[in-house]
Amino acid sequence: MTLRKYRFVLEQAAFESFVQLTDEEWELAHSYFRWLAVNPQATGQGFHNDATGRPNYASLCGPFLIVHWADHAVLEVRIVQLLRD
């Protein structure tokens, strides 16, 4: 069985936080984004439903809370927010 390949996509709020990170923080967050693309079924440590009713999962990664959801139709993990601890 061939695994379907996902990619990660940063929404604007997440991107704006991401570009402000130090090199070390950037590496940590980026590695987690890549991990999510390989594990799109990951549900994190909690979730909330967004305005459309879609569950957005919250994952802890070092000093970050990363909010994401998987769009299985287009094989993407959408990174909605990247919040610092």
C-alpha atoms as a PDB file:
ATOM      1  CA  MET A   1       0.000   0.000   0.000  1.00  0.00           C
ATOM      2  CA  THR A   2       1.370   3.413  -0.963  1.00  0.00           C
ATOM      3  CA  LEU A   3       1.060   6.176   1.617  1.00  0.00           C
ATOM      4  CA  ARG A   4      -0.604   9.354   0.461  1.00  0.00           C
ATOM      5  CA  LYS A   5       1.715  12.332   0.786  1.00  0.00           C
ATOM      6  CA  TYR A   6       0.441  15.398   2.576  1.00  0.00           C
ATOM      7  CA  ARG A   7       1.984  18.842   2.656  1.00  0.00           C
ATOM      8  CA  PHE A   8       1.662  21.502   5.310  1.00  0.00           C
ATOM      9  CA  VAL A   9       0.287  24.956   4.593  1.00  0.00           C
ATOM     10  CA  LEU A  10       0.545  27.948   6.927  1.00  0.00           C
ATOM     11  CA  GLU A  11      -2.417  30.263   7.081  1.00  0.00           C
ATOM     12  CA  GLN A  12      -1.654  33.979   7.406  1.00  0.00           C
ATOM     13  CA  ALA A  13      -1.752  34.223  11.217  1.00  0.00           C
ATOM     14  CA  ALA A  14       0.580  31.227  11.570  1.00  0.00           C
ATOM     15  CA  PHE A  15       2.923  32.527   8.876  1.00  0.00           C
ATOM     16  CA  GLU A  16       3.185  35.936  10.541  1.00  0.00           C
ATOM     17  CA  SER A  17       4.239  34.266  13.800  1.00  0.00           C
ATOM     18  CA  PHE A  18       6.553  31.819  12.047  1.00  0.00           C
ATOM     19  CA  VAL A  19       8.657  34.464  10.272  1.00  0.00           C
ATOM     20  CA  GLN A  20       9.388  36.165  13.601  1.00  0.00           C
ATOM     21  CA  LEU A  21      10.996  33.105  15.202  1.00  0.00           C
ATOM     22  CA  THR A  22      14.670  32.718  16.003  1.00  0.00           C
ATOM     23  CA  ASP A  23      16.598  30.161  13.953  1.00  0.00           C
ATOM     24  CA  GLU A  24      16.336  27.567  16.731  1.00  0.00           C
ATOM     25  CA  GLU A  25      12.591  28.140  17.174  1.00  0.00           C
ATOM     26  CA  TRP A  26      12.120  28.047  13.400  1.00  0.00           C
ATOM     27  CA  GLU A  27      13.789  24.623  13.209  1.00  0.00           C
ATOM     28  CA  LEU A  28      11.642  23.237  16.026  1.00  0.00           C
ATOM     29  CA  ALA A  29       8.354  24.502  14.580  1.00  0.00           C
ATOM     30  CA  HIS A  30       9.299  23.503  11.032  1.00  0.00           C
ATOM     31  CA  SER A  31      10.184  19.969  12.117  1.00  0.00           C
ATOM     32  CA  TYR A  32       6.797  19.667  13.819  1.00  0.00           C
ATOM     33  CA  PHE A  33       5.014  20.922  10.685  1.00  0.00           C
ATOM     34  CA  ARG A  34       6.835  18.234   8.683  1.00  0.00           C
ATOM     35  CA  TRP A  35       5.860  15.630  11.298  1.00  0.00           C
ATOM     36  CA  LEU A  36       2.212  16.674  10.986  1.00  0.00           C
ATOM     37  CA  ALA A  37       2.408  16.251   7.198  1.00  0.00           C
ATOM     38  CA  VAL A  38       3.572  12.660   7.730  1.00  0.00           C
ATOM     39  CA  ASN A  39       0.972  12.125  10.499  1.00  0.00           C
ATOM     40  CA  PRO A  40      -2.091  14.072   9.308  1.00  0.00           C
ATOM     41  CA  GLN A  41      -4.371  12.065  11.590  1.00  0.00           C
ATOM     42  CA  ALA A  42      -2.672  13.579  14.690  1.00  0.00           C
ATOM     43  CA  THR A  43      -5.237  15.115  17.013  1.00  0.00           C
ATOM     44  CA  GLY A  44      -2.954  16.934  19.457  1.00  0.00           C
ATOM     45  CA  GLN A  45      -3.805  17.518  23.093  1.00  0.00           C
ATOM     46  CA  GLY A  46      -7.152  19.220  22.537  1.00  0.00           C
ATOM     47  CA  PHE A  47      -9.464  20.754  19.970  1.00  0.00           C
ATOM     48  CA  HIS A  48     -12.137  23.314  19.329  1.00  0.00           C
ATOM     49  CA  ASN A  49     -14.534  23.705  16.439  1.00  0.00           C
ATOM     50  CA  ASP A  50     -13.939  26.690  14.181  1.00  0.00           C
ATOM     51  CA  ALA A  51     -16.682  28.892  12.707  1.00  0.00           C
ATOM     52  CA  THR A  52     -17.458  26.235  10.079  1.00  0.00           C
ATOM     53  CA  GLY A  53     -17.752  23.464  12.693  1.00  0.00           C
ATOM     54  CA  ARG A  54     -14.474  21.845  11.662  1.00  0.00           C
ATOM     55  CA  PRO A  55     -12.330  20.547  14.537  1.00  0.00           C
ATOM     56  CA  ASN A  56      -9.053  22.451  14.910  1.00  0.00           C
ATOM     57  CA  TYR A  57      -6.517  20.513  16.953  1.00  0.00           C
ATOM     58  CA  ALA A  58      -4.070  22.088  19.390  1.00  0.00           C
ATOM     59  CA  SER A  59      -0.647  20.471  19.725  1.00  0.00           C
ATOM     60  CA  LEU A  60       2.082  21.361  22.171  1.00  0.00           C
ATOM     61  CA  CYS A  61       5.552  21.570  20.669  1.00  0.00           C
ATOM     62  CA  GLY A  62       8.194  22.981  23.006  1.00  0.00           C
ATOM     63  CA  PRO A  63       7.200  26.590  23.742  1.00  0.00           C
ATOM     64  CA  PHE A  64       4.509  26.563  21.042  1.00  0.00           C
ATOM     65  CA  LEU A  65       0.856  25.757  20.754  1.00  0.00           C
ATOM     66  CA  ILE A  66       0.208  24.812  17.140  1.00  0.00           C
ATOM     67  CA  VAL A  67      -3.402  24.836  15.943  1.00  0.00           C
ATOM     68  CA  HIS A  68      -4.006  22.681  12.860  1.00  0.00           C
ATOM     69  CA  TRP A  69      -6.468  20.597  10.917  1.00  0.00           C
ATOM     70  CA  ALA A  70      -6.111  18.093   8.099  1.00  0.00           C
ATOM     71  CA  ASP A  71      -7.808  18.654   4.760  1.00  0.00           C
ATOM     72  CA  HIS A  72      -7.843  15.081   3.514  1.00  0.00           C
ATOM     73  CA  ALA A  73      -9.520  16.004   0.233  1.00  0.00           C
ATOM     74  CA  VAL A  74      -6.451  17.951  -0.940  1.00  0.00           C
ATOM     75  CA  LEU A  75      -3.840  16.150   1.200  1.00  0.00           C
ATOM     76  CA  GLU A  76      -2.890  19.184   3.290  1.00  0.00           C
ATOM     77  CA  VAL A  77      -2.361  19.888   6.956  1.00  0.00           C
ATOM     78  CA  ARG A  78      -3.461  23.467   7.558  1.00  0.00           C
ATOM     79  CA  ILE A  79      -1.478  25.276  10.251  1.00  0.00           C
ATOM     80  CA  VAL A  80      -3.939  27.862  11.553  1.00  0.00           C
ATOM     81  CA  GLN A  81      -2.040  29.422  14.444  1.00  0.00           C
ATOM     82  CA  LEU A  82       1.408  29.288  15.998  1.00  0.00           C
ATOM     83  CA  LEU A  83       1.253  30.642  19.534  1.00  0.00           C
ATOM     84  CA  ARG A  84       4.107  31.026  21.999  1.00  0.00           C
ATOM     85  CA  ASP A  85       3.898  29.720  25.517  1.00  0.00           C
END
